[in-house]
């Protein structure tokens, strides 16, 4: 059974999600990364990682997008440290959120059943 997070940890997670969303919209000038949205944000209890899940509705190469975002990690971490002064900031990692792709596949399958 998964232990629930404390209100302070949930608030910190929410603040990081909000700030990263703003940074993605405001600071990223790479044409491949335009239109990226931060779909989920999770703080890992075990190894002190903050996992930011991204997705785009435009056709993009997922591995390259994640690679470029992870290359921008020092920029994001600098701004997060300034905005959220903590003793220990978790390490930020970007990952592709394929949950939306799976959801679209299920919806397309359901539409296929409905039309037949």
PDB file of N, CA and C in Angstrom:
ATOM      1  N   UNK A   1       0.834  -1.179   0.000  1.00  0.00           N
ATOM      2  CA  UNK A   1       0.000   0.000   0.000  1.00  0.00           C
ATOM      3  C   UNK A   1       0.881   1.244   0.000  1.00  0.00           C
ATOM      4  N   UNK A   2       0.547   2.180  -0.836  1.00  0.00           N
ATOM      5  CA  UNK A   2       1.334   3.397  -0.981  1.00  0.00           C
ATOM      6  C   UNK A   2       0.989   4.393   0.113  1.00  0.00           C
ATOM      7  N   UNK A   3       2.029   4.925   0.743  1.00  0.00           N
ATOM      8  CA  UNK A   3       1.825   5.894   1.817  1.00  0.00           C
ATOM      9  C   UNK A   3       1.461   7.248   1.208  1.00  0.00           C
ATOM     10  N   UNK A   4       0.456   7.921   1.786  1.00  0.00           N
ATOM     11  CA  UNK A   4       0.044   9.217   1.255  1.00  0.00           C
ATOM     12  C   UNK A   4       1.072  10.283   1.636  1.00  0.00           C
ATOM     13  N   UNK A   5       1.170  11.287   0.791  1.00  0.00           N
ATOM     14  CA  UNK A   5       2.144  12.355   1.002  1.00  0.00           C
ATOM     15  C   UNK A   5       1.591  13.386   1.977  1.00  0.00           C
ATOM     16  N   UNK A   6       2.490  14.007   2.676  1.00  0.00           N
ATOM     17  CA  UNK A   6       2.086  15.049   3.626  1.00  0.00           C
ATOM     18  C   UNK A   6       1.594  16.270   2.855  1.00  0.00           C
ATOM     19  N   UNK A   7       0.772  17.109   3.487  1.00  0.00           N
ATOM     20  CA  UNK A   7       0.296  18.322   2.813  1.00  0.00           C
ATOM     21  C   UNK A   7       1.439  19.234   2.356  1.00  0.00           C
ATOM     22  N   UNK A   8       2.497  19.323   3.147  1.00  0.00           N
ATOM     23  CA  UNK A   8       3.629  20.167   2.767  1.00  0.00           C
ATOM     24  C   UNK A   8       4.323  19.623   1.525  1.00  0.00           C
ATOM     25  N   UNK A   9       4.463  18.319   1.423  1.00  0.00           N
ATOM     26  CA  UNK A   9       5.096  17.697   0.257  1.00  0.00           C
ATOM     27  C   UNK A   9       4.216  17.845  -0.983  1.00  0.00           C
ATOM     28  N   UNK A  10       2.921  17.699  -0.813  1.00  0.00           N
ATOM     29  CA  UNK A  10       2.001  17.897  -1.949  1.00  0.00           C
ATOM     30  C   UNK A  10       2.036  19.344  -2.430  1.00  0.00           C
ATOM     31  N   UNK A  11       2.124  20.286  -1.502  1.00  0.00           N
ATOM     32  CA  UNK A  11       2.189  21.701  -1.854  1.00  0.00           C
ATOM     33  C   UNK A  11       3.500  22.002  -2.598  1.00  0.00           C
ATOM     34  N   UNK A  12       4.608  21.431  -2.129  1.00  0.00           N
ATOM     35  CA  UNK A  12       5.903  21.604  -2.786  1.00  0.00           C
ATOM     36  C   UNK A  12       5.861  21.011  -4.199  1.00  0.00           C
ATOM     37  N   UNK A  13       5.266  19.845  -4.335  1.00  0.00           N
ATOM     38  CA  UNK A  13       5.109  19.191  -5.636  1.00  0.00           C
ATOM     39  C   UNK A  13       4.280  20.073  -6.579  1.00  0.00           C
ATOM     40  N   UNK A  14       3.206  20.620  -6.066  1.00  0.00           N
ATOM     41  CA  UNK A  14       2.334  21.494  -6.852  1.00  0.00           C
ATOM     42  C   UNK A  14       3.057  22.776  -7.271  1.00  0.00           C
ATOM     43  N   UNK A  15       3.835  23.357  -6.351  1.00  0.00           N
ATOM     44  CA  UNK A  15       4.593  24.570  -6.669  1.00  0.00           C
ATOM     45  C   UNK A  15       5.630  24.303  -7.752  1.00  0.00           C
ATOM     46  N   UNK A  16       6.326  23.174  -7.660  1.00  0.00           N
ATOM     47  CA  UNK A  16       7.320  22.827  -8.673  1.00  0.00           C
ATOM     48  C   UNK A  16       6.657  22.611 -10.028  1.00  0.00           C
ATOM     49  N   UNK A  17       5.508  21.943 -10.037  1.00  0.00           N
ATOM     50  CA  UNK A  17       4.768  21.705 -11.283  1.00  0.00           C
ATOM     51  C   UNK A  17       4.391  23.038 -11.923  1.00  0.00           C
ATOM     52  N   UNK A  18       3.849  23.930 -11.132  1.00  0.00           N
ATOM     53  CA  UNK A  18       3.412  25.240 -11.637  1.00  0.00           C
ATOM     54  C   UNK A  18       4.589  26.038 -12.186  1.00  0.00           C
ATOM     55  N   UNK A  19       5.685  26.089 -11.432  1.00  0.00           N
ATOM     56  CA  UNK A  19       6.852  26.861 -11.875  1.00  0.00           C
ATOM     57  C   UNK A  19       7.493  26.270 -13.129  1.00  0.00           C
ATOM     58  N   UNK A  20       7.579  24.956 -13.202  1.00  0.00           N
ATOM     59  CA  UNK A  20       8.142  24.325 -14.403  1.00  0.00           C
ATOM     60  C   UNK A  20       7.271  24.582 -15.625  1.00  0.00           C
ATOM     61  N   UNK A  21       5.967  24.571 -15.443  1.00  0.00           N
ATOM     62  CA  UNK A  21       5.050  24.863 -16.553  1.00  0.00           C
ATOM     63  C   UNK A  21       5.304  26.281 -17.073  1.00  0.00           C
ATOM     64  N   UNK A  22       5.459  27.225 -16.161  1.00  0.00           N
ATOM     65  CA  UNK A  22       5.732  28.607 -16.549  1.00  0.00           C
ATOM     66  C   UNK A  22       7.075  28.706 -17.266  1.00  0.00           C
ATOM     67  N   UNK A  23       8.095  28.026 -16.745  1.00  0.00           N
ATOM     68  CA  UNK A  23       9.416  28.069 -17.371  1.00  0.00           C
ATOM     69  C   UNK A  23       9.393  27.455 -18.772  1.00  0.00           C
ATOM     70  N   UNK A  24       8.651  26.367 -18.928  1.00  0.00           N
ATOM     71  CA  UNK A  24       8.549  25.737 -20.254  1.00  0.00           C
ATOM     72  C   UNK A  24       7.906  26.681 -21.265  1.00  0.00           C
ATOM     73  N   UNK A  25       6.913  27.416 -20.836  1.00  0.00           N
ATOM     74  CA  UNK A  25       6.216  28.328 -21.737  1.00  0.00           C
ATOM     75  C   UNK A  25       7.016  29.601 -21.994  1.00  0.00           C
ATOM     76  N   UNK A  26       7.720  30.088 -20.987  1.00  0.00           N
ATOM     77  CA  UNK A  26       8.367  31.387 -21.075  1.00  0.00           C
ATOM     78  C   UNK A  26       9.800  31.333 -21.594  1.00  0.00           C
ATOM     79  N   UNK A  27      10.588  30.347 -21.180  1.00  0.00           N
ATOM     80  CA  UNK A  27      12.026  30.370 -21.424  1.00  0.00           C
ATOM     81  C   UNK A  27      12.513  29.493 -22.576  1.00  0.00           C
ATOM     82  N   UNK A  28      11.724  28.547 -23.011  1.00  0.00           N
ATOM     83  CA  UNK A  28      12.195  27.606 -24.034  1.00  0.00           C
ATOM     84  C   UNK A  28      11.982  28.205 -25.415  1.00  0.00           C
ATOM     85  N   UNK A  29      13.086  28.313 -26.159  1.00  0.00           N
ATOM     86  CA  UNK A  29      13.023  28.877 -27.507  1.00  0.00           C
ATOM     87  C   UNK A  29      13.273  27.841 -28.592  1.00  0.00           C
ATOM     88  N   UNK A  30      13.585  26.625 -28.214  1.00  0.00           N
ATOM     89  CA  UNK A  30      13.839  25.557 -29.177  1.00  0.00           C
ATOM     90  C   UNK A  30      12.545  25.236 -29.919  1.00  0.00           C
ATOM     91  N   UNK A  31      12.525  25.332 -31.257  1.00  0.00           N
ATOM     92  CA  UNK A  31      11.283  25.078 -32.010  1.00  0.00           C
ATOM     93  C   UNK A  31      10.712  23.678 -31.781  1.00  0.00           C
ATOM     94  N   UNK A  32      11.571  22.701 -31.529  1.00  0.00           N
ATOM     95  CA  UNK A  32      11.084  21.345 -31.295  1.00  0.00           C
ATOM     96  C   UNK A  32      10.337  21.241 -29.962  1.00  0.00           C
ATOM     97  N   UNK A  33      10.645  22.135 -29.029  1.00  0.00           N
ATOM     98  CA  UNK A  33      10.055  22.065 -27.695  1.00  0.00           C
ATOM     99  C   UNK A  33       8.860  22.991 -27.510  1.00  0.00           C
ATOM    100  N   UNK A  34       8.556  23.787 -28.528  1.00  0.00           N
ATOM    101  CA  UNK A  34       7.396  24.661 -28.426  1.00  0.00           C
ATOM    102  C   UNK A  34       6.121  23.822 -28.405  1.00  0.00           C
ATOM    103  N   UNK A  35       5.194  24.194 -27.573  1.00  0.00           N
ATOM    104  CA  UNK A  35       3.939  23.455 -27.470  1.00  0.00           C
ATOM    105  C   UNK A  35       3.998  22.265 -26.526  1.00  0.00           C
ATOM    106  N   UNK A  36       5.128  22.090 -25.831  1.00  0.00           N
ATOM    107  CA  UNK A  36       5.231  21.005 -24.847  1.00  0.00           C
ATOM    108  C   UNK A  36       4.363  21.344 -23.650  1.00  0.00           C
ATOM    109  N   UNK A  37       3.734  20.345 -23.102  1.00  0.00           N
ATOM    110  CA  UNK A  37       2.993  20.576 -21.869  1.00  0.00           C
ATOM    111  C   UNK A  37       3.457  19.592 -20.811  1.00  0.00           C
ATOM    112  N   UNK A  38       3.521  20.094 -19.606  1.00  0.00           N
ATOM    113  CA  UNK A  38       3.896  19.290 -18.453  1.00  0.00           C
ATOM    114  C   UNK A  38       2.613  18.640 -17.948  1.00  0.00           C
ATOM    115  N   UNK A  39       2.482  17.342 -18.181  1.00  0.00           N
ATOM    116  CA  UNK A  39       1.226  16.669 -17.870  1.00  0.00           C
ATOM    117  C   UNK A  39       1.152  16.172 -16.430  1.00  0.00           C
ATOM    118  N   UNK A  40       2.286  15.706 -15.911  1.00  0.00           N
ATOM    119  CA  UNK A  40       2.320  15.206 -14.530  1.00  0.00           C
ATOM    120  C   UNK A  40       3.648  15.586 -13.910  1.00  0.00           C
ATOM    121  N   UNK A  41       3.644  15.645 -12.595  1.00  0.00           N
ATOM    122  CA  UNK A  41       4.876  15.921 -11.859  1.00  0.00           C
ATOM    123  C   UNK A  41       4.840  15.098 -10.588  1.00  0.00           C
ATOM    124  N   UNK A  42       5.881  14.317 -10.362  1.00  0.00           N
ATOM    125  CA  UNK A  42       5.913  13.442  -9.183  1.00  0.00           C
ATOM    126  C   UNK A  42       7.236  13.573  -8.463  1.00  0.00           C
ATOM    127  N   UNK A  43       7.160  13.630  -7.158  1.00  0.00           N
ATOM    128  CA  UNK A  43       8.362  13.568  -6.335  1.00  0.00           C
ATOM    129  C   UNK A  43       8.535  12.128  -5.889  1.00  0.00           C
ATOM    130  N   UNK A  44       9.666  11.561  -6.203  1.00  0.00           N
ATOM    131  CA  UNK A  44       9.967  10.191  -5.831  1.00  0.00           C
ATOM    132  C   UNK A  44      10.460  10.171  -4.393  1.00  0.00           C
ATOM    133  N   UNK A  45       9.889   9.291  -3.583  1.00  0.00           N
ATOM    134  CA  UNK A  45      10.295   9.200  -2.179  1.00  0.00           C
ATOM    135  C   UNK A  45      11.658   8.544  -2.024  1.00  0.00           C
ATOM    136  N   UNK A  46      11.928   7.553  -2.841  1.00  0.00           N
ATOM    137  CA  UNK A  46      13.099   6.708  -2.646  1.00  0.00           C
ATOM    138  C   UNK A  46      14.424   7.410  -2.938  1.00  0.00           C
ATOM    139  N   UNK A  47      14.574   7.979  -4.118  1.00  0.00           N
ATOM    140  CA  UNK A  47      15.893   8.452  -4.505  1.00  0.00           C
ATOM    141  C   UNK A  47      15.990   9.966  -4.709  1.00  0.00           C
ATOM    142  N   UNK A  48      15.065  10.725  -4.197  1.00  0.00           N
ATOM    143  CA  UNK A  48      15.155  12.174  -4.263  1.00  0.00           C
ATOM    144  C   UNK A  48      15.095  12.744  -5.663  1.00  0.00           C
ATOM    145  N   UNK A  49      14.277  12.161  -6.508  1.00  0.00           N
ATOM    146  CA  UNK A  49      14.114  12.659  -7.867  1.00  0.00           C
ATOM    147  C   UNK A  49      12.757  13.321  -8.025  1.00  0.00           C
ATOM    148  N   UNK A  50      12.746  14.341  -8.858  1.00  0.00           N
ATOM    149  CA  UNK A  50      11.504  14.970  -9.278  1.00  0.00           C
ATOM    150  C   UNK A  50      11.336  14.599 -10.744  1.00  0.00           C
ATOM    151  N   UNK A  51      10.260  13.895 -11.058  1.00  0.00           N
ATOM    152  CA  UNK A  51      10.031  13.421 -12.422  1.00  0.00           C
ATOM    153  C   UNK A  51       8.954  14.281 -13.062  1.00  0.00           C
ATOM    154  N   UNK A  52       9.331  14.948 -14.146  1.00  0.00           N
ATOM    155  CA  UNK A  52       8.413  15.804 -14.892  1.00  0.00           C
ATOM    156  C   UNK A  52       8.030  15.072 -16.175  1.00  0.00           C
ATOM    157  N   UNK A  53       6.757  14.754 -16.322  1.00  0.00           N
ATOM    158  CA  UNK A  53       6.258  14.055 -17.510  1.00  0.00           C
ATOM    159  C   UNK A  53       5.746  15.092 -18.506  1.00  0.00           C
ATOM    160  N   UNK A  54       6.230  14.994 -19.747  1.00  0.00           N
ATOM    161  CA  UNK A  54       5.844  15.950 -20.781  1.00  0.00           C
ATOM    162  C   UNK A  54       5.156  15.223 -21.933  1.00  0.00           C
ATOM    163  N   UNK A  55       4.380  16.000 -22.680  1.00  0.00           N
ATOM    164  CA  UNK A  55       3.671  15.453 -23.840  1.00  0.00           C
ATOM    165  C   UNK A  55       3.399  16.588 -24.810  1.00  0.00           C
ATOM    166  N   UNK A  56       3.251  16.234 -26.063  1.00  0.00           N
ATOM    167  CA  UNK A  56       2.908  17.210 -27.087  1.00  0.00           C
ATOM    168  C   UNK A  56       1.843  16.615 -27.988  1.00  0.00           C
ATOM    169  N   UNK A  57       0.896  17.433 -28.368  1.00  0.00           N
ATOM    170  CA  UNK A  57      -0.132  16.973 -29.293  1.00  0.00           C
ATOM    171  C   UNK A  57       0.378  17.022 -30.736  1.00  0.00           C
ATOM    172  N   UNK A  58       1.480  17.741 -30.949  1.00  0.00           N
ATOM    173  CA  UNK A  58       2.098  17.794 -32.269  1.00  0.00           C
ATOM    174  C   UNK A  58       3.000  16.575 -32.459  1.00  0.00           C
ATOM    175  N   UNK A  59       3.185  16.138 -33.694  1.00  0.00           N
ATOM    176  CA  UNK A  59       4.078  14.993 -33.911  1.00  0.00           C
ATOM    177  C   UNK A  59       5.541  15.405 -33.687  1.00  0.00           C
ATOM    178  N   UNK A  60       6.177  14.797 -32.710  1.00  0.00           N
ATOM    179  CA  UNK A  60       7.574  15.081 -32.389  1.00  0.00           C
ATOM    180  C   UNK A  60       8.289  13.761 -32.107  1.00  0.00           C
ATOM    181  N   UNK A  61       9.605  13.810 -32.180  1.00  0.00           N
ATOM    182  CA  UNK A  61      10.407  12.647 -31.824  1.00  0.00           C
ATOM    183  C   UNK A  61      10.586  12.657 -30.306  1.00  0.00           C
ATOM    184  N   UNK A  62       9.955  11.707 -29.650  1.00  0.00           N
ATOM    185  CA  UNK A  62       9.870  11.722 -28.195  1.00  0.00           C
ATOM    186  C   UNK A  62      11.235  11.669 -27.509  1.00  0.00           C
ATOM    187  N   UNK A  63      12.113  10.794 -27.964  1.00  0.00           N
ATOM    188  CA  UNK A  63      13.424  10.657 -27.318  1.00  0.00           C
ATOM    189  C   UNK A  63      14.247  11.938 -27.451  1.00  0.00           C
ATOM    190  N   UNK A  64      14.163  12.586 -28.589  1.00  0.00           N
ATOM    191  CA  UNK A  64      14.906  13.821 -28.804  1.00  0.00           C
ATOM    192  C   UNK A  64      14.351  14.946 -27.933  1.00  0.00           C
ATOM    193  N   UNK A  65      13.043  15.008 -27.781  1.00  0.00           N
ATOM    194  CA  UNK A  65      12.424  16.021 -26.922  1.00  0.00           C
ATOM    195  C   UNK A  65      12.897  15.841 -25.481  1.00  0.00           C
ATOM    196  N   UNK A  66      12.866  14.618 -24.990  1.00  0.00           N
ATOM    197  CA  UNK A  66      13.299  14.339 -23.613  1.00  0.00           C
ATOM    198  C   UNK A  66      14.783  14.658 -23.460  1.00  0.00           C
ATOM    199  N   UNK A  67      15.588  14.311 -24.460  1.00  0.00           N
ATOM    200  CA  UNK A  67      17.026  14.595 -24.402  1.00  0.00           C
ATOM    201  C   UNK A  67      17.276  16.106 -24.316  1.00  0.00           C
ATOM    202  N   UNK A  68      16.564  16.873 -25.130  1.00  0.00           N
ATOM    203  CA  UNK A  68      16.746  18.334 -25.126  1.00  0.00           C
ATOM    204  C   UNK A  68      16.262  18.964 -23.818  1.00  0.00           C
ATOM    205  N   UNK A  69      15.159  18.477 -23.291  1.00  0.00           N
ATOM    206  CA  UNK A  69      14.675  19.016 -22.015  1.00  0.00           C
ATOM    207  C   UNK A  69      15.649  18.698 -20.886  1.00  0.00           C
ATOM    208  N   UNK A  70      16.181  17.474 -20.883  1.00  0.00           N
ATOM    209  CA  UNK A  70      17.155  17.120 -19.850  1.00  0.00           C
ATOM    210  C   UNK A  70      18.436  17.932 -20.000  1.00  0.00           C
ATOM    211  N   UNK A  71      18.775  18.345 -21.223  1.00  0.00           N
ATOM    212  CA  UNK A  71      19.936  19.214 -21.430  1.00  0.00           C
ATOM    213  C   UNK A  71      19.687  20.610 -20.850  1.00  0.00           C
ATOM    214  N   UNK A  72      18.428  21.038 -20.806  1.00  0.00           N
ATOM    215  CA  UNK A  72      18.066  22.334 -20.228  1.00  0.00           C
ATOM    216  C   UNK A  72      17.866  22.274 -18.709  1.00  0.00           C
ATOM    217  N   UNK A  73      18.063  21.118 -18.131  1.00  0.00           N
ATOM    218  CA  UNK A  73      17.821  20.910 -16.699  1.00  0.00           C
ATOM    219  C   UNK A  73      18.564  21.919 -15.816  1.00  0.00           C
ATOM    220  N   UNK A  74      19.851  22.242 -16.071  1.00  0.00           N
ATOM    221  CA  UNK A  74      20.518  23.231 -15.195  1.00  0.00           C
ATOM    222  C   UNK A  74      19.803  24.590 -15.169  1.00  0.00           C
ATOM    223  N   UNK A  75      19.286  25.012 -16.306  1.00  0.00           N
ATOM    224  CA  UNK A  75      18.536  26.277 -16.365  1.00  0.00           C
ATOM    225  C   UNK A  75      17.285  26.198 -15.490  1.00  0.00           C
ATOM    226  N   UNK A  76      16.542  25.109 -15.625  1.00  0.00           N
ATOM    227  CA  UNK A  76      15.321  24.940 -14.835  1.00  0.00           C
ATOM    228  C   UNK A  76      15.646  24.852 -13.345  1.00  0.00           C
ATOM    229  N   UNK A  77      16.684  24.086 -13.003  1.00  0.00           N
ATOM    230  CA  UNK A  77      17.049  23.923 -11.596  1.00  0.00           C
ATOM    231  C   UNK A  77      17.468  25.260 -10.977  1.00  0.00           C
ATOM    232  N   UNK A  78      18.173  26.082 -11.724  1.00  0.00           N
ATOM    233  CA  UNK A  78      18.582  27.396 -11.226  1.00  0.00           C
ATOM    234  C   UNK A  78      17.360  28.226 -10.835  1.00  0.00           C
ATOM    235  N   UNK A  79      16.373  28.269 -11.716  1.00  0.00           N
ATOM    236  CA  UNK A  79      15.173  29.055 -11.439  1.00  0.00           C
ATOM    237  C   UNK A  79      14.331  28.434 -10.320  1.00  0.00           C
ATOM    238  N   UNK A  80      14.282  27.127 -10.260  1.00  0.00           N
ATOM    239  CA  UNK A  80      13.540  26.475  -9.172  1.00  0.00           C
ATOM    240  C   UNK A  80      14.195  26.745  -7.825  1.00  0.00           C
ATOM    241  N   UNK A  81      15.516  26.713  -7.788  1.00  0.00           N
ATOM    242  CA  UNK A  81      16.224  26.988  -6.527  1.00  0.00           C
ATOM    243  C   UNK A  81      16.003  28.431  -6.063  1.00  0.00           C
ATOM    244  N   UNK A  82      15.939  29.350  -7.011  1.00  0.00           N
ATOM    245  CA  UNK A  82      15.690  30.749  -6.649  1.00  0.00           C
ATOM    246  C   UNK A  82      14.263  30.937  -6.133  1.00  0.00           C
ATOM    247  N   UNK A  83      13.305  30.289  -6.778  1.00  0.00           N
ATOM    248  CA  UNK A  83      11.894  30.479  -6.427  1.00  0.00           C
ATOM    249  C   UNK A  83      11.481  29.674  -5.203  1.00  0.00           C
ATOM    250  N   UNK A  84      12.093  28.509  -5.021  1.00  0.00           N
ATOM    251  CA  UNK A  84      11.738  27.621  -3.909  1.00  0.00           C
ATOM    252  C   UNK A  84      12.982  27.319  -3.083  1.00  0.00           C
ATOM    253  N   UNK A  85      13.360  28.216  -2.209  1.00  0.00           N
ATOM    254  CA  UNK A  85      14.584  27.972  -1.436  1.00  0.00           C
ATOM    255  C   UNK A  85      14.396  26.803  -0.463  1.00  0.00           C
ATOM    256  N   UNK A  86      15.026  25.724  -0.776  1.00  0.00           N
ATOM    257  CA  UNK A  86      15.001  24.525   0.067  1.00  0.00           C
ATOM    258  C   UNK A  86      16.430  24.122   0.366  1.00  0.00           C
ATOM    259  N   UNK A  87      16.612  23.415   1.481  1.00  0.00           N
ATOM    260  CA  UNK A  87      17.941  22.912   1.792  1.00  0.00           C
ATOM    261  C   UNK A  87      18.402  21.928   0.731  1.00  0.00           C
ATOM    262  N   UNK A  88      17.504  21.052   0.363  1.00  0.00           N
ATOM    263  CA  UNK A  88      17.852  19.993  -0.587  1.00  0.00           C
ATOM    264  C   UNK A  88      16.782  19.942  -1.675  1.00  0.00           C
ATOM    265  N   UNK A  89      17.178  20.299  -2.880  1.00  0.00           N
ATOM    266  CA  UNK A  89      16.268  20.276  -4.023  1.00  0.00           C
ATOM    267  C   UNK A  89      16.408  18.926  -4.723  1.00  0.00           C
ATOM    268  N   UNK A  90      15.292  18.265  -5.017  1.00  0.00           N
ATOM    269  CA  UNK A  90      15.396  16.977  -5.707  1.00  0.00           C
ATOM    270  C   UNK A  90      15.935  17.155  -7.124  1.00  0.00           C
ATOM    271  N   UNK A  91      16.595  16.114  -7.615  1.00  0.00           N
ATOM    272  CA  UNK A  91      17.142  16.122  -8.965  1.00  0.00           C
ATOM    273  C   UNK A  91      15.995  16.018  -9.968  1.00  0.00           C
ATOM    274  N   UNK A  92      16.011  16.877 -10.968  1.00  0.00           N
ATOM    275  CA  UNK A  92      14.934  16.939 -11.952  1.00  0.00           C
ATOM    276  C   UNK A  92      15.239  16.037 -13.143  1.00  0.00           C
ATOM    277  N   UNK A  93      14.240  15.235 -13.532  1.00  0.00           N
ATOM    278  CA  UNK A  93      14.364  14.339 -14.677  1.00  0.00           C
ATOM    279  C   UNK A  93      13.102  14.485 -15.520  1.00  0.00           C
ATOM    280  N   UNK A  94      13.286  14.613 -16.826  1.00  0.00           N
ATOM    281  CA  UNK A  94      12.150  14.690 -17.742  1.00  0.00           C
ATOM    282  C   UNK A  94      11.915  13.326 -18.366  1.00  0.00           C
ATOM    283  N   UNK A  95      10.637  12.967 -18.501  1.00  0.00           N
ATOM    284  CA  UNK A  95      10.240  11.722 -19.162  1.00  0.00           C
ATOM    285  C   UNK A  95       9.024  11.997 -20.037  1.00  0.00           C
ATOM    286  N   UNK A  96       8.882  11.186 -21.072  1.00  0.00           N
ATOM    287  CA  UNK A  96       7.731  11.298 -21.967  1.00  0.00           C
ATOM    288  C   UNK A  96       6.533  10.639 -21.305  1.00  0.00           C
ATOM    289  N   UNK A  97       5.392  11.293 -21.339  1.00  0.00           N
ATOM    290  CA  UNK A  97       4.159  10.751 -20.765  1.00  0.00           C
ATOM    291  C   UNK A  97       3.374  10.049 -21.867  1.00  0.00           C
ATOM    292  N   UNK A  98       3.463   8.731 -21.899  1.00  0.00           N
ATOM    293  CA  UNK A  98       2.768   7.983 -22.945  1.00  0.00           C
ATOM    294  C   UNK A  98       1.357   7.581 -22.523  1.00  0.00           C
ATOM    295  N   UNK A  99       0.928   7.988 -21.339  1.00  0.00           N
ATOM    296  CA  UNK A  99      -0.424   7.652 -20.881  1.00  0.00           C
ATOM    297  C   UNK A  99      -1.483   8.278 -21.797  1.00  0.00           C
ATOM    298  N   UNK A 100      -1.221   9.487 -22.297  1.00  0.00           N
ATOM    299  CA  UNK A 100      -2.183  10.130 -23.198  1.00  0.00           C
ATOM    300  C   UNK A 100      -2.282   9.391 -24.523  1.00  0.00           C
ATOM    301  N   UNK A 101      -1.145   8.902 -25.022  1.00  0.00           N
ATOM    302  CA  UNK A 101      -1.162   8.128 -26.262  1.00  0.00           C
ATOM    303  C   UNK A 101      -1.992   6.856 -26.097  1.00  0.00           C
ATOM    304  N   UNK A 102      -1.827   6.193 -24.961  1.00  0.00           N
ATOM    305  CA  UNK A 102      -2.589   4.970 -24.701  1.00  0.00           C
ATOM    306  C   UNK A 102      -4.084   5.271 -24.585  1.00  0.00           C
ATOM    307  N   UNK A 103      -4.415   6.394 -23.958  1.00  0.00           N
ATOM    308  CA  UNK A 103      -5.815   6.790 -23.821  1.00  0.00           C
ATOM    309  C   UNK A 103      -6.438   7.043 -25.189  1.00  0.00           C
ATOM    310  N   UNK A 104      -5.699   7.716 -26.067  1.00  0.00           N
ATOM    311  CA  UNK A 104      -6.206   7.983 -27.419  1.00  0.00           C
ATOM    312  C   UNK A 104      -6.407   6.678 -28.195  1.00  0.00           C
ATOM    313  N   UNK A 105      -5.513   5.716 -27.995  1.00  0.00           N
ATOM    314  CA  UNK A 105      -5.664   4.425 -28.667  1.00  0.00           C
ATOM    315  C   UNK A 105      -6.936   3.722 -28.205  1.00  0.00           C
ATOM    316  N   UNK A 106      -7.203   3.768 -26.906  1.00  0.00           N
ATOM    317  CA  UNK A 106      -8.411   3.136 -26.362  1.00  0.00           C
ATOM    318  C   UNK A 106      -9.654   3.824 -26.909  1.00  0.00           C
ATOM    319  N   UNK A 107      -9.649   5.163 -26.948  1.00  0.00           N
ATOM    320  CA  UNK A 107     -10.798   5.900 -27.475  1.00  0.00           C
ATOM    321  C   UNK A 107     -11.025   5.596 -28.955  1.00  0.00           C
ATOM    322  N   UNK A 108      -9.944   5.508 -29.728  1.00  0.00           N
ATOM    323  CA  UNK A 108     -10.072   5.169 -31.152  1.00  0.00           C
ATOM    324  C   UNK A 108     -10.651   3.771 -31.328  1.00  0.00           C
ATOM    325  N   UNK A 109     -10.229   2.842 -30.484  1.00  0.00           N
ATOM    326  CA  UNK A 109     -10.762   1.474 -30.537  1.00  0.00           C
ATOM    327  C   UNK A 109     -12.246   1.470 -30.199  1.00  0.00           C
ATOM    328  N   UNK A 110     -12.632   2.233 -29.192  1.00  0.00           N
ATOM    329  CA  UNK A 110     -14.045   2.302 -28.796  1.00  0.00           C
ATOM    330  C   UNK A 110     -14.889   2.926 -29.900  1.00  0.00           C
ATOM    331  N   UNK A 111     -14.353   3.948 -30.579  1.00  0.00           N
ATOM    332  CA  UNK A 111     -15.073   4.556 -31.698  1.00  0.00           C
ATOM    333  C   UNK A 111     -15.251   3.556 -32.828  1.00  0.00           C
ATOM    334  N   UNK A 112     -14.255   2.701 -33.038  1.00  0.00           N
ATOM    335  CA  UNK A 112     -14.341   1.657 -34.063  1.00  0.00           C
ATOM    336  C   UNK A 112     -15.449   0.681 -33.766  1.00  0.00           C
ATOM    337  N   UNK A 113     -15.606   0.325 -32.487  1.00  0.00           N
ATOM    338  CA  UNK A 113     -16.684  -0.595 -32.105  1.00  0.00           C
ATOM    339  C   UNK A 113     -18.036   0.068 -32.290  1.00  0.00           C
ATOM    340  N   UNK A 114     -18.127   1.341 -31.958  1.00  0.00           N
ATOM    341  CA  UNK A 114     -19.376   2.062 -32.025  1.00  0.00           C
ATOM    342  C   UNK A 114     -19.868   2.221 -33.471  1.00  0.00           C
ATOM    343  N   UNK A 115     -18.917   2.453 -34.392  1.00  0.00           N
ATOM    344  CA  UNK A 115     -19.304   2.674 -35.792  1.00  0.00           C
ATOM    345  C   UNK A 115     -19.617   1.373 -36.538  1.00  0.00           C
ATOM    346  N   UNK A 116     -19.197   0.210 -35.989  1.00  0.00           N
ATOM    347  CA  UNK A 116     -19.471  -1.041 -36.696  1.00  0.00           C
ATOM    348  C   UNK A 116     -20.840  -1.600 -36.416  1.00  0.00           C
TER     349      UNK A 116
END
